[in-house]
Full PDB file with SEQRES, HELIX, SHEET, SSBOND, CRYST1, ORIGX, SCALE, CONECT and MASTER records, all heavy atoms in Angstrom:
SEQRES   1 A   42  GLU ARG LYS TRP VAL ALA ARG ILE SER ALA ALA ASP THR          
SEQRES   2 A   42  ILE SER TYR SER ASP SER VAL LYS GLY ARG PHE THR ILE          
SEQRES   3 A   42  SER ARG ASP ASN ALA LYS ASN MET LEU TYR LEU GLN MET          
SEQRES   4 A   42  ASN ASN LEU                                                  
SHEET    1 AA1 2 ALA A   6  ILE A   8  0                                        
SHEET    2 AA1 2 ILE A  14  TYR A  16 -1                                        
SHEET    1 AA2 2 PHE A  24  ASP A  29  0                                        
SHEET    2 AA2 2 MET A  34  MET A  39 -1                                        
CRYST1    1.000    1.000    1.000  90.00  90.00  90.00 P 1           1          
ORIGX1      1.000000  0.000000  0.000000        0.00000                         
ORIGX2      0.000000  1.000000  0.000000        0.00000                         
ORIGX3      0.000000  0.000000  1.000000        0.00000                         
SCALE1      1.000000  0.000000  0.000000        0.00000                         
SCALE2      0.000000  1.000000  0.000000        0.00000                         
SCALE3      0.000000  0.000000  1.000000        0.00000                         
ATOM      1  N   GLU A   1       7.012 131.715-103.556  1.00  0.00           N  
ATOM      2  CA  GLU A   1       7.927 131.596-104.717  1.00  0.00           C  
ATOM      3  C   GLU A   1       9.332 131.373-104.265  1.00  0.00           C  
ATOM      4  O   GLU A   1       9.661 131.884-103.200  1.00  0.00           O  
ATOM      5  CB  GLU A   1       7.861 132.820-105.637  1.00  0.00           C  
ATOM      6  CG  GLU A   1       6.542 133.021-106.326  1.00  0.00           C  
ATOM      7  CD  GLU A   1       6.544 134.168-107.302  1.00  0.00           C  
ATOM      8  OE1 GLU A   1       7.602 134.848-107.350  1.00  0.00           O  
ATOM      9  OE2 GLU A   1       5.553 134.492-108.044  1.00  0.00           O  
ATOM     10  N   ARG A   2      10.072 130.673-105.151  1.00  0.00           N  
ATOM     11  CA  ARG A   2      11.551 130.528-104.849  1.00  0.00           C  
ATOM     12  C   ARG A   2      12.201 131.942-104.969  1.00  0.00           C  
ATOM     13  O   ARG A   2      11.863 132.694-105.909  1.00  0.00           O  
ATOM     14  CB  ARG A   2      12.196 129.597-105.809  1.00  0.00           C  
ATOM     15  CG  ARG A   2      11.684 128.143-105.677  1.00  0.00           C  
ATOM     16  CD  ARG A   2      12.435 127.278-106.665  1.00  0.00           C  
ATOM     17  NE  ARG A   2      11.936 125.934-106.695  1.00  0.00           N  
ATOM     18  CZ  ARG A   2      11.124 125.408-107.603  1.00  0.00           C  
ATOM     19  NH1 ARG A   2      10.773 126.147-108.567  1.00  0.00           N  
ATOM     20  NH2 ARG A   2      10.793 124.199-107.465  1.00  0.00           N  
ATOM     21  N   LYS A   3      13.058 132.254-104.077  1.00  0.00           N  
ATOM     22  CA  LYS A   3      13.872 133.477-104.150  1.00  0.00           C  
ATOM     23  C   LYS A   3      15.363 133.062-103.920  1.00  0.00           C  
ATOM     24  O   LYS A   3      15.644 132.358-103.086  1.00  0.00           O  
ATOM     25  CB  LYS A   3      13.413 134.556-103.106  1.00  0.00           C  
ATOM     26  CG  LYS A   3      11.970 135.013-103.385  1.00  0.00           C  
ATOM     27  CD  LYS A   3      11.614 136.051-102.448  1.00  0.00           C  
ATOM     28  CE  LYS A   3      10.259 136.651-102.707  1.00  0.00           C  
ATOM     29  NZ  LYS A   3       9.870 137.821-101.778  1.00  0.00           N  
ATOM     30  N   TRP A   4      16.197 133.783-104.730  1.00  0.00           N  
ATOM     31  CA  TRP A   4      17.625 133.524-104.540  1.00  0.00           C  
ATOM     32  C   TRP A   4      18.095 134.137-103.229  1.00  0.00           C  
ATOM     33  O   TRP A   4      17.625 135.169-102.814  1.00  0.00           O  
ATOM     34  CB  TRP A   4      18.423 133.943-105.782  1.00  0.00           C  
ATOM     35  CG  TRP A   4      18.576 135.443-105.857  1.00  0.00           C  
ATOM     36  CD1 TRP A   4      17.800 136.276-106.571  1.00  0.00           C  
ATOM     37  CD2 TRP A   4      19.570 136.229-105.219  1.00  0.00           C  
ATOM     38  NE1 TRP A   4      18.285 137.573-106.456  1.00  0.00           N  
ATOM     39  CE2 TRP A   4      19.416 137.577-105.664  1.00  0.00           C  
ATOM     40  CE3 TRP A   4      20.712 135.946-104.425  1.00  0.00           C  
ATOM     41  CZ2 TRP A   4      20.193 138.625-105.220  1.00  0.00           C  
ATOM     42  CZ3 TRP A   4      21.522 137.018-103.980  1.00  0.00           C  
ATOM     43  CH2 TRP A   4      21.279 138.366-104.361  1.00  0.00           C  
ATOM     44  N   VAL A   5      19.033 133.408-102.641  1.00  0.00           N  
ATOM     45  CA  VAL A   5      19.639 133.894-101.402  1.00  0.00           C  
ATOM     46  C   VAL A   5      21.159 134.071-101.538  1.00  0.00           C  
ATOM     47  O   VAL A   5      21.767 134.844-100.718  1.00  0.00           O  
ATOM     48  CB  VAL A   5      19.411 132.968-100.191  1.00  0.00           C  
ATOM     49  CG1 VAL A   5      17.930 132.899 -99.865  1.00  0.00           C  
ATOM     50  CG2 VAL A   5      19.974 131.548-100.448  1.00  0.00           C  
ATOM     51  N   ALA A   6      21.796 133.468-102.506  1.00  0.00           N  
ATOM     52  CA  ALA A   6      23.180 133.606-102.715  1.00  0.00           C  
ATOM     53  C   ALA A   6      23.514 133.392-104.239  1.00  0.00           C  
ATOM     54  O   ALA A   6      22.831 132.516-104.897  1.00  0.00           O  
ATOM     55  CB  ALA A   6      24.025 132.682-101.839  1.00  0.00           C  
ATOM     56  N   ARG A   7      24.421 134.092-104.700  1.00  0.00           N  
ATOM     57  CA  ARG A   7      24.745 134.019-106.176  1.00  0.00           C  
ATOM     58  C   ARG A   7      26.217 134.188-106.337  1.00  0.00           C  
ATOM     59  O   ARG A   7      26.835 134.914-105.593  1.00  0.00           O  
ATOM     60  CB  ARG A   7      23.967 135.042-107.023  1.00  0.00           C  
ATOM     61  CG  ARG A   7      24.056 136.484-106.528  1.00  0.00           C  
ATOM     62  CD  ARG A   7      23.065 137.300-107.155  1.00  0.00           C  
ATOM     63  NE  ARG A   7      23.372 137.572-108.579  1.00  0.00           N  
ATOM     64  CZ  ARG A   7      22.521 138.138-109.437  1.00  0.00           C  
ATOM     65  NH1 ARG A   7      21.289 138.491-109.072  1.00  0.00           N  
ATOM     66  NH2 ARG A   7      22.904 138.346-110.663  1.00  0.00           N  
ATOM     67  N   ILE A   8      26.687 133.546-107.354  1.00  0.00           N  
ATOM     68  CA  ILE A   8      28.112 133.635-107.794  1.00  0.00           C  
ATOM     69  C   ILE A   8      28.252 133.682-109.315  1.00  0.00           C  
ATOM     70  O   ILE A   8      27.639 132.828-109.940  1.00  0.00           O  
ATOM     71  CB  ILE A   8      29.048 132.461-107.162  1.00  0.00           C  
ATOM     72  CG1 ILE A   8      30.478 132.587-107.451  1.00  0.00           C  
ATOM     73  CG2 ILE A   8      28.379 131.144-107.600  1.00  0.00           C  
ATOM     74  CD1 ILE A   8      31.344 131.643-106.664  1.00  0.00           C  
ATOM     75  N   SER A   9      28.980 134.654-109.824  1.00  0.00           N  
ATOM     76  CA  SER A   9      29.164 134.805-111.203  1.00  0.00           C  
ATOM     77  C   SER A   9      30.375 133.967-111.701  1.00  0.00           C  
ATOM     78  O   SER A   9      31.191 133.486-110.916  1.00  0.00           O  
ATOM     79  CB  SER A   9      29.307 136.270-111.629  1.00  0.00           C  
ATOM     80  OG  SER A   9      30.618 136.682-111.270  1.00  0.00           O  
ATOM     81  N   ALA A  10      30.504 133.844-113.027  1.00  0.00           N  
ATOM     82  CA  ALA A  10      31.623 133.174-113.638  1.00  0.00           C  
ATOM     83  C   ALA A  10      32.898 133.925-113.289  1.00  0.00           C  
ATOM     84  O   ALA A  10      33.968 133.374-113.176  1.00  0.00           O  
ATOM     85  CB  ALA A  10      31.431 133.152-115.107  1.00  0.00           C  
ATOM     86  N   ALA A  11      32.837 135.176-112.966  1.00  0.00           N  
ATOM     87  CA  ALA A  11      33.988 135.952-112.561  1.00  0.00           C  
ATOM     88  C   ALA A  11      34.162 135.949-111.079  1.00  0.00           C  
ATOM     89  O   ALA A  11      34.963 136.764-110.471  1.00  0.00           O  
ATOM     90  CB  ALA A  11      33.873 137.460-113.079  1.00  0.00           C  
ATOM     91  N   ASP A  12      33.394 135.142-110.374  1.00  0.00           N  
ATOM     92  CA  ASP A  12      33.436 135.013-108.847  1.00  0.00           C  
ATOM     93  C   ASP A  12      32.965 136.162-108.169  1.00  0.00           C  
ATOM     94  O   ASP A  12      33.409 136.446-106.993  1.00  0.00           O  
ATOM     95  CB  ASP A  12      34.836 134.601-108.470  1.00  0.00           C  
ATOM     96  CG  ASP A  12      35.187 133.181-108.772  1.00  0.00           C  
ATOM     97  OD1 ASP A  12      34.273 132.360-108.945  1.00  0.00           O  
ATOM     98  OD2 ASP A  12      36.348 132.827-108.879  1.00  0.00           O  
ATOM     99  N   THR A  13      32.120 136.945-108.755  1.00  0.00           N  
ATOM    100  CA  THR A  13      31.435 138.046-108.046  1.00  0.00           C  
ATOM    101  C   THR A  13      30.308 137.442-107.271  1.00  0.00           C  
ATOM    102  O   THR A  13      29.516 136.611-107.763  1.00  0.00           O  
ATOM    103  CB  THR A  13      30.873 139.089-109.020  1.00  0.00           C  
ATOM    104  OG1 THR A  13      31.875 139.673-109.760  1.00  0.00           O  
ATOM    105  CG2 THR A  13      30.107 140.178-108.281  1.00  0.00           C  
ATOM    106  N   ILE A  14      30.238 137.748-105.944  1.00  0.00           N  
ATOM    107  CA  ILE A  14      29.315 136.984-105.043  1.00  0.00           C  
ATOM    108  C   ILE A  14      28.438 138.095-104.359  1.00  0.00           C  
ATOM    109  O   ILE A  14      28.803 139.154-104.069  1.00  0.00           O  
ATOM    110  CB  ILE A  14      30.067 136.251-103.968  1.00  0.00           C  
ATOM    111  CG1 ILE A  14      30.814 135.031-104.616  1.00  0.00           C  
ATOM    112  CG2 ILE A  14      29.202 135.804-102.841  1.00  0.00           C  
ATOM    113  CD1 ILE A  14      31.745 134.271-103.606  1.00  0.00           C  
ATOM    114  N   SER A  15      27.217 137.642-104.202  1.00  0.00           N  
ATOM    115  CA  SER A  15      26.243 138.522-103.485  1.00  0.00           C  
ATOM    116  C   SER A  15      25.231 137.635-102.813  1.00  0.00           C  
ATOM    117  O   SER A  15      25.046 136.511-103.105  1.00  0.00           O  
ATOM    118  CB  SER A  15      25.525 139.502-104.396  1.00  0.00           C  
ATOM    119  OG  SER A  15      24.854 138.853-105.423  1.00  0.00           O  
ATOM    120  N   TYR A  16      24.649 138.259-101.722  1.00  0.00           N  
ATOM    121  CA  TYR A  16      23.714 137.544-100.852  1.00  0.00           C  
ATOM    122  C   TYR A  16      22.459 138.407-100.593  1.00  0.00           C  
ATOM    123  O   TYR A  16      22.563 139.606-100.607  1.00  0.00           O  
ATOM    124  CB  TYR A  16      24.388 137.222 -99.469  1.00  0.00           C  
ATOM    125  CG  TYR A  16      25.625 136.387 -99.567  1.00  0.00           C  
ATOM    126  CD1 TYR A  16      26.921 136.989 -99.606  1.00  0.00           C  
ATOM    127  CD2 TYR A  16      25.523 135.056 -99.668  1.00  0.00           C  
ATOM    128  CE1 TYR A  16      27.991 136.234 -99.709  1.00  0.00           C  
ATOM    129  CE2 TYR A  16      26.666 134.244 -99.775  1.00  0.00           C  
ATOM    130  CZ  TYR A  16      27.887 134.800 -99.783  1.00  0.00           C  
ATOM    131  OH  TYR A  16      29.042 134.076 -99.898  1.00  0.00           O  
ATOM    132  N   SER A  17      21.429 137.744-100.280  1.00  0.00           N  
ATOM    133  CA  SER A  17      20.210 138.466 -99.872  1.00  0.00           C  
ATOM    134  C   SER A  17      20.570 138.973 -98.415  1.00  0.00           C  
ATOM    135  O   SER A  17      21.324 138.457 -97.724  1.00  0.00           O  
ATOM    136  CB  SER A  17      19.021 137.618 -99.904  1.00  0.00           C  
ATOM    137  OG  SER A  17      19.108 136.574 -98.895  1.00  0.00           O  
ATOM    138  N   ASP A  18      19.864 140.050 -98.059  1.00  0.00           N  
ATOM    139  CA  ASP A  18      20.098 140.671 -96.806  1.00  0.00           C  
ATOM    140  C   ASP A  18      19.846 139.680 -95.617  1.00  0.00           C  
ATOM    141  O   ASP A  18      20.465 139.687 -94.617  1.00  0.00           O  
ATOM    142  CB  ASP A  18      19.183 141.896 -96.576  1.00  0.00           C  
ATOM    143  CG  ASP A  18      19.667 143.030 -97.404  1.00  0.00           C  
ATOM    144  OD1 ASP A  18      20.886 142.958 -97.892  1.00  0.00           O  
ATOM    145  OD2 ASP A  18      18.929 144.011 -97.601  1.00  0.00           O  
ATOM    146  N   SER A  19      18.938 138.808 -95.853  1.00  0.00           N  
ATOM    147  CA  SER A  19      18.483 137.874 -94.778  1.00  0.00           C  
ATOM    148  C   SER A  19      19.583 136.782 -94.477  1.00  0.00           C  
ATOM    149  O   SER A  19      19.508 136.177 -93.342  1.00  0.00           O  
ATOM    150  CB  SER A  19      17.160 137.093 -95.234  1.00  0.00           C  
ATOM    151  OG  SER A  19      17.371 136.390 -96.404  1.00  0.00           O  
ATOM    152  N   VAL A  20      20.534 136.560 -95.307  1.00  0.00           N  
ATOM    153  CA  VAL A  20      21.558 135.575 -95.020  1.00  0.00           C  
ATOM    154  C   VAL A  20      22.984 136.126 -95.014  1.00  0.00           C  
ATOM    155  O   VAL A  20      23.936 135.416 -94.671  1.00  0.00           O  
ATOM    156  CB  VAL A  20      21.504 134.343 -96.051  1.00  0.00           C  
ATOM    157  CG1 VAL A  20      20.031 133.856 -96.193  1.00  0.00           C  
ATOM    158  CG2 VAL A  20      21.981 134.846 -97.466  1.00  0.00           C  
ATOM    159  N   LYS A  21      23.058 137.373 -95.381  1.00  0.00           N  
ATOM    160  CA  LYS A  21      24.405 137.998 -95.479  1.00  0.00           C  
ATOM    161  C   LYS A  21      25.062 137.911 -94.117  1.00  0.00           C  
ATOM    162  O   LYS A  21      24.554 138.197 -93.054  1.00  0.00           O  
ATOM    163  CB  LYS A  21      24.206 139.496 -95.859  1.00  0.00           C  
ATOM    164  CG  LYS A  21      25.531 140.169 -96.316  1.00  0.00           C  
ATOM    165  CD  LYS A  21      25.123 141.554 -96.819  1.00  0.00           C  
ATOM    166  CE  LYS A  21      24.265 141.578 -98.000  1.00  0.00           C  
ATOM    167  NZ  LYS A  21      24.006 142.939 -98.509  1.00  0.00           N  
ATOM    168  N   GLY A  22      26.354 137.495 -94.184  1.00  0.00           N  
ATOM    169  CA  GLY A  22      27.087 137.311 -92.892  1.00  0.00           C  
ATOM    170  C   GLY A  22      27.055 135.961 -92.302  1.00  0.00           C  
ATOM    171  O   GLY A  22      27.776 135.615 -91.377  1.00  0.00           O  
ATOM    172  N   ARG A  23      26.070 135.173 -92.771  1.00  0.00           N  
ATOM    173  CA  ARG A  23      25.883 133.785 -92.211  1.00  0.00           C  
ATOM    174  C   ARG A  23      26.074 132.720 -93.222  1.00  0.00           C  
ATOM    175  O   ARG A  23      26.517 131.589 -92.906  1.00  0.00           O  
ATOM    176  CB  ARG A  23      24.466 133.643 -91.633  1.00  0.00           C  
ATOM    177  CG  ARG A  23      24.117 134.710 -90.580  1.00  0.00           C  
ATOM    178  CD  ARG A  23      22.812 134.387 -89.918  1.00  0.00           C  
ATOM    179  NE  ARG A  23      21.730 134.531 -90.884  1.00  0.00           N  
ATOM    180  CZ  ARG A  23      20.793 133.591 -91.168  1.00  0.00           C  
ATOM    181  NH1 ARG A  23      20.958 132.368 -90.522  1.00  0.00           N  
ATOM    182  NH2 ARG A  23      19.868 133.768 -92.052  1.00  0.00           N  
ATOM    183  N   PHE A  24      25.763 133.008 -94.533  1.00  0.00           N  
ATOM    184  CA  PHE A  24      25.899 131.959 -95.592  1.00  0.00           C  
ATOM    185  C   PHE A  24      27.096 132.364 -96.502  1.00  0.00           C  
ATOM    186  O   PHE A  24      27.358 133.492 -96.675  1.00  0.00           O  
ATOM    187  CB  PHE A  24      24.623 131.999 -96.436  1.00  0.00           C  
ATOM    188  CG  PHE A  24      23.373 131.350 -95.734  1.00  0.00           C  
ATOM    189  CD1 PHE A  24      23.353 131.172 -94.353  1.00  0.00           C  
ATOM    190  CD2 PHE A  24      22.264 131.069 -96.557  1.00  0.00           C  
ATOM    191  CE1 PHE A  24      22.198 130.579 -93.788  1.00  0.00           C  
ATOM    192  CE2 PHE A  24      21.141 130.536 -95.931  1.00  0.00           C  
ATOM    193  CZ  PHE A  24      21.106 130.306 -94.533  1.00  0.00           C  
ATOM    194  N   THR A  25      27.644 131.289 -96.974  1.00  0.00           N  
ATOM    195  CA  THR A  25      28.787 131.487 -97.973  1.00  0.00           C  
ATOM    196  C   THR A  25      28.606 130.494 -99.141  1.00  0.00           C  
ATOM    197  O   THR A  25      28.508 129.350 -98.946  1.00  0.00           O  
ATOM    198  CB  THR A  25      30.167 131.091 -97.276  1.00  0.00           C  
ATOM    199  OG1 THR A  25      30.301 132.007 -96.063  1.00  0.00           O  
ATOM    200  CG2 THR A  25      31.317 131.445 -98.213  1.00  0.00           C  
ATOM    201  N   ILE A  26      28.584 131.151-100.305  1.00  0.00           N  
ATOM    202  CA  ILE A  26      28.457 130.353-101.517  1.00  0.00           C  
ATOM    203  C   ILE A  26      29.913 130.183-102.106  1.00  0.00           C  
ATOM    204  O   ILE A  26      30.729 130.964-102.049  1.00  0.00           O  
ATOM    205  CB  ILE A  26      27.606 131.039-102.499  1.00  0.00           C  
ATOM    206  CG1 ILE A  26      27.287 130.149-103.772  1.00  0.00           C  
ATOM    207  CG2 ILE A  26      28.152 132.449-102.971  1.00  0.00           C  
ATOM    208  CD1 ILE A  26      26.158 130.706-104.611  1.00  0.00           C  
ATOM    209  N   SER A  27      30.066 128.973-102.684  1.00  0.00           N  
ATOM    210  CA  SER A  27      31.323 128.625-103.316  1.00  0.00           C  
ATOM    211  C   SER A  27      31.112 127.748-104.471  1.00  0.00           C  
ATOM    212  O   SER A  27      30.052 127.059-104.613  1.00  0.00           O  
ATOM    213  CB  SER A  27      32.356 128.135-102.401  1.00  0.00           C  
ATOM    214  OG  SER A  27      31.897 126.965-101.817  1.00  0.00           O  
ATOM    215  N   ARG A  28      32.111 127.574-105.342  1.00  0.00           N  
ATOM    216  CA  ARG A  28      32.004 126.767-106.473  1.00  0.00           C  
ATOM    217  C   ARG A  28      33.279 126.012-106.725  1.00  0.00           C  
ATOM    218  O   ARG A  28      34.455 126.534-106.509  1.00  0.00           O  
ATOM    219  CB  ARG A  28      31.691 127.637-107.660  1.00  0.00           C  
ATOM    220  CG  ARG A  28      31.508 126.880-109.031  1.00  0.00           C  
ATOM    221  CD  ARG A  28      31.314 128.006-110.147  1.00  0.00           C  
ATOM    222  NE  ARG A  28      32.396 128.791-110.280  1.00  0.00           N  
ATOM    223  CZ  ARG A  28      32.352 130.049-110.607  1.00  0.00           C  
ATOM    224  NH1 ARG A  28      31.210 130.677-110.823  1.00  0.00           N  
ATOM    225  NH2 ARG A  28      33.447 130.836-110.678  1.00  0.00           N  
ATOM    226  N   ASP A  29      33.164 124.736-107.115  1.00  0.00           N  
ATOM    227  CA  ASP A  29      34.403 123.887-107.486  1.00  0.00           C  
ATOM    228  C   ASP A  29      34.251 123.607-108.957  1.00  0.00           C  
ATOM    229  O   ASP A  29      33.499 122.715-109.341  1.00  0.00           O  
ATOM    230  CB  ASP A  29      34.455 122.695-106.668  1.00  0.00           C  
ATOM    231  CG  ASP A  29      35.683 121.923-106.848  1.00  0.00           C  
ATOM    232  OD1 ASP A  29      36.210 121.907-107.953  1.00  0.00           O  
ATOM    233  OD2 ASP A  29      36.146 121.224-105.939  1.00  0.00           O  
ATOM    234  N   ASN A  30      35.027 124.335-109.771  1.00  0.00           N  
ATOM    235  CA  ASN A  30      34.839 124.152-111.215  1.00  0.00           C  
ATOM    236  C   ASN A  30      35.278 122.763-111.703  1.00  0.00           C  
ATOM    237  O   ASN A  30      34.762 122.122-112.536  1.00  0.00           O  
ATOM    238  CB  ASN A  30      35.711 125.229-111.877  1.00  0.00           C  
ATOM    239  CG  ASN A  30      35.166 126.587-111.726  1.00  0.00           C  
ATOM    240  OD1 ASN A  30      33.997 126.781-111.494  1.00  0.00           O  
ATOM    241  ND2 ASN A  30      36.039 127.603-111.989  1.00  0.00           N  
ATOM    242  N   ALA A  31      36.335 122.206-111.033  1.00  0.00           N  
ATOM    243  CA  ALA A  31      36.859 120.894-111.346  1.00  0.00           C  
ATOM    244  C   ALA A  31      35.846 119.765-111.174  1.00  0.00           C  
ATOM    245  O   ALA A  31      35.835 118.758-111.922  1.00  0.00           O  
ATOM    246  CB  ALA A  31      38.145 120.664-110.624  1.00  0.00           C  
ATOM    247  N   LYS A  32      35.010 119.943-110.088  1.00  0.00           N  
ATOM    248  CA  LYS A  32      33.992 118.918-109.768  1.00  0.00           C  
ATOM    249  C   LYS A  32      32.614 119.284-110.243  1.00  0.00           C  
ATOM    250  O   LYS A  32      31.753 118.494-110.046  1.00  0.00           O  
ATOM    251  CB  LYS A  32      33.993 118.700-108.257  1.00  0.00           C  
ATOM    252  CG  LYS A  32      35.280 118.231-107.699  1.00  0.00           C  
ATOM    253  CD  LYS A  32      35.184 118.024-106.194  1.00  0.00           C  
ATOM    254  CE  LYS A  32      36.522 117.335-105.663  1.00  0.00           C  
ATOM    255  NZ  LYS A  32      36.461 117.288-104.135  1.00  0.00           N  
ATOM    256  N   ASN A  33      32.489 120.471-110.833  1.00  0.00           N  
ATOM    257  CA  ASN A  33      31.181 120.869-111.271  1.00  0.00           C  
ATOM    258  C   ASN A  33      30.175 120.875-110.131  1.00  0.00           C  
ATOM    259  O   ASN A  33      29.084 120.350-110.206  1.00  0.00           O  
ATOM    260  CB  ASN A  33      30.609 120.069-112.460  1.00  0.00           C  
ATOM    261  CG  ASN A  33      31.458 120.260-113.693  1.00  0.00           C  
ATOM    262  OD1 ASN A  33      31.901 121.447-113.905  1.00  0.00           O  
ATOM    263  ND2 ASN A  33      31.556 119.252-114.496  1.00  0.00           N  
ATOM    264  N   MET A  34      30.598 121.496-109.043  1.00  0.00           N  
ATOM    265  CA  MET A  34      29.868 121.588-107.783  1.00  0.00           C  
ATOM    266  C   MET A  34      29.680 122.988-107.374  1.00  0.00           C  
ATOM    267  O   MET A  34      30.496 123.837-107.524  1.00  0.00           O  
ATOM    268  CB  MET A  34      30.534 120.746-106.657  1.00  0.00           C  
ATOM    269  CG  MET A  34      30.640 119.306-106.947  1.00  0.00           C  
ATOM    270  SD  MET A  34      29.065 118.473-106.836  1.00  0.00           S  
ATOM    271  CE  MET A  34      28.666 118.573-105.179  1.00  0.00           C  
ATOM    272  N   LEU A  35      28.494 123.156-106.742  1.00  0.00           N  
ATOM    273  CA  LEU A  35      28.166 124.479-106.139  1.00  0.00           C  
ATOM    274  C   LEU A  35      27.823 124.120-104.689  1.00  0.00           C  
ATOM    275  O   LEU A  35      27.191 123.170-104.335  1.00  0.00           O  
ATOM    276  CB  LEU A  35      26.970 125.091-106.783  1.00  0.00           C  
ATOM    277  CG  LEU A  35      26.565 126.525-106.338  1.00  0.00           C  
ATOM    278  CD1 LEU A  35      27.549 127.551-106.812  1.00  0.00           C  
ATOM    279  CD2 LEU A  35      25.119 126.824-106.970  1.00  0.00           C  
ATOM    280  N   TYR A  36      28.283 125.011-103.721  1.00  0.00           N  
ATOM    281  CA  TYR A  36      28.120 124.808-102.328  1.00  0.00           C  
ATOM    282  C   TYR A  36      27.444 125.967-101.651  1.00  0.00           C  
ATOM    283  O   TYR A  36      27.599 127.070-102.114  1.00  0.00           O  
ATOM    284  CB  TYR A  36      29.455 124.453-101.685  1.00  0.00           C  
ATOM    285  CG  TYR A  36      30.182 123.293-102.225  1.00  0.00           C  
ATOM    286  CD1 TYR A  36      31.177 123.484-103.103  1.00  0.00           C  
ATOM    287  CD2 TYR A  36      29.785 121.985-101.913  1.00  0.00           C  
ATOM    288  CE1 TYR A  36      31.915 122.479-103.644  1.00  0.00           C  
ATOM    289  CE2 TYR A  36      30.470 120.911-102.439  1.00  0.00           C  
ATOM    290  CZ  TYR A  36      31.549 121.144-103.273  1.00  0.00           C  
ATOM    291  OH  TYR A  36      32.274 120.061-103.883  1.00  0.00           O  
ATOM    292  N   LEU A  37      26.802 125.695-100.531  1.00  0.00           N  
ATOM    293  CA  LEU A  37      26.328 126.792 -99.734  1.00  0.00           C  
ATOM    294  C   LEU A  37      26.553 126.426 -98.193  1.00  0.00           C  
ATOM    295  O   LEU A  37      25.937 125.456 -97.686  1.00  0.00           O  
ATOM    296  CB  LEU A  37      24.804 127.015 -99.857  1.00  0.00           C  
ATOM    297  CG  LEU A  37      24.216 128.233 -99.162  1.00  0.00           C  
ATOM    298  CD1 LEU A  37      24.772 129.477 -99.722  1.00  0.00           C  
ATOM    299  CD2 LEU A  37      22.655 128.233 -99.190  1.00  0.00           C  
ATOM    300  N   GLN A  38      27.544 127.064 -97.632  1.00  0.00           N  
ATOM    301  CA  GLN A  38      27.806 126.903 -96.250  1.00  0.00           C  
ATOM    302  C   GLN A  38      26.877 127.797 -95.460  1.00  0.00           C  
ATOM    303  O   GLN A  38      26.910 129.008 -95.664  1.00  0.00           O  
ATOM    304  CB  GLN A  38      29.237 127.199 -95.886  1.00  0.00           C  
ATOM    305  CG  GLN A  38      29.678 127.070 -94.414  1.00  0.00           C  
ATOM    306  CD  GLN A  38      29.524 125.625 -93.918  1.00  0.00           C  
ATOM    307  OE1 GLN A  38      30.047 124.793 -94.543  1.00  0.00           O  
ATOM    308  NE2 GLN A  38      29.058 125.463 -92.709  1.00  0.00           N  
ATOM    309  N   MET A  39      26.118 127.170 -94.554  1.00  0.00           N  
ATOM    310  CA  MET A  39      25.109 127.963 -93.792  1.00  0.00           C  
ATOM    311  C   MET A  39      25.483 127.854 -92.260  1.00  0.00           C  
ATOM    312  O   MET A  39      25.489 126.768 -91.712  1.00  0.00           O  
ATOM    313  CB  MET A  39      23.756 127.396 -94.023  1.00  0.00           C  
ATOM    314  CG  MET A  39      23.392 127.344 -95.490  1.00  0.00           C  
ATOM    315  SD  MET A  39      21.663 126.874 -95.816  1.00  0.00           S  
ATOM    316  CE  MET A  39      21.651 125.184 -95.218  1.00  0.00           C  
ATOM    317  N   ASN A  40      25.756 128.968 -91.698  1.00  0.00           N  
ATOM    318  CA  ASN A  40      26.119 129.042 -90.263  1.00  0.00           C  
ATOM    319  C   ASN A  40      25.127 129.805 -89.614  1.00  0.00           C  
ATOM    320  O   ASN A  40      24.330 130.669 -90.101  1.00  0.00           O  
ATOM    321  CB  ASN A  40      27.497 129.649 -90.155  1.00  0.00           C  
ATOM    322  CG  ASN A  40      28.581 128.862 -90.771  1.00  0.00           C  
ATOM    323  OD1 ASN A  40      28.556 127.651 -90.883  1.00  0.00           O  
ATOM    324  ND2 ASN A  40      29.632 129.536 -91.251  1.00  0.00           N  
ATOM    325  N   ASN A  41      25.042 129.608 -88.265  1.00  0.00           N  
ATOM    326  CA  ASN A  41      24.119 130.339 -87.350  1.00  0.00           C  
ATOM    327  C   ASN A  41      22.721 130.262 -87.904  1.00  0.00           C  
ATOM    328  O   ASN A  41      21.989 131.310 -87.988  1.00  0.00           O  
ATOM    329  CB  ASN A  41      24.562 131.840 -87.152  1.00  0.00           C  
ATOM    330  CG  ASN A  41      23.833 132.519 -86.162  1.00  0.00           C  
ATOM    331  OD1 ASN A  41      23.258 131.874 -85.223  1.00  0.00           O  
ATOM    332  ND2 ASN A  41      23.759 133.858 -86.192  1.00  0.00           N  
ATOM    333  N   LEU A  42      22.319 129.109 -88.213  1.00  0.00           N  
ATOM    334  CA  LEU A  42      20.997 128.928 -88.778  1.00  0.00           C  
ATOM    335  C   LEU A  42      19.839 129.236 -87.796  1.00  0.00           C  
ATOM    336  O   LEU A  42      19.981 129.037 -86.573  1.00  0.00           O  
ATOM    337  CB  LEU A  42      20.845 127.514 -89.244  1.00  0.00           C  
ATOM    338  CG  LEU A  42      21.513 127.160 -90.578  1.00  0.00           C  
ATOM    339  CD1 LEU A  42      21.739 125.652 -90.684  1.00  0.00           C  
ATOM    340  CD2 LEU A  42      20.709 127.695 -91.735  1.00  0.00           C  
TER     341      LEU A  42                                                      
MASTER        0    0    0    0    4    0    0    6  340    1    0    4          
END                                                                             
């Protein structure tokens, strides 16, 4: 099943699953209606 690994709220509260914490970064660009996931140390 699909499982979430990163989440961001409208208030910019961010959380990560333990498996990616410290390596992945979620961000959002409201002006462009874009969501991003920077993944490091894959």
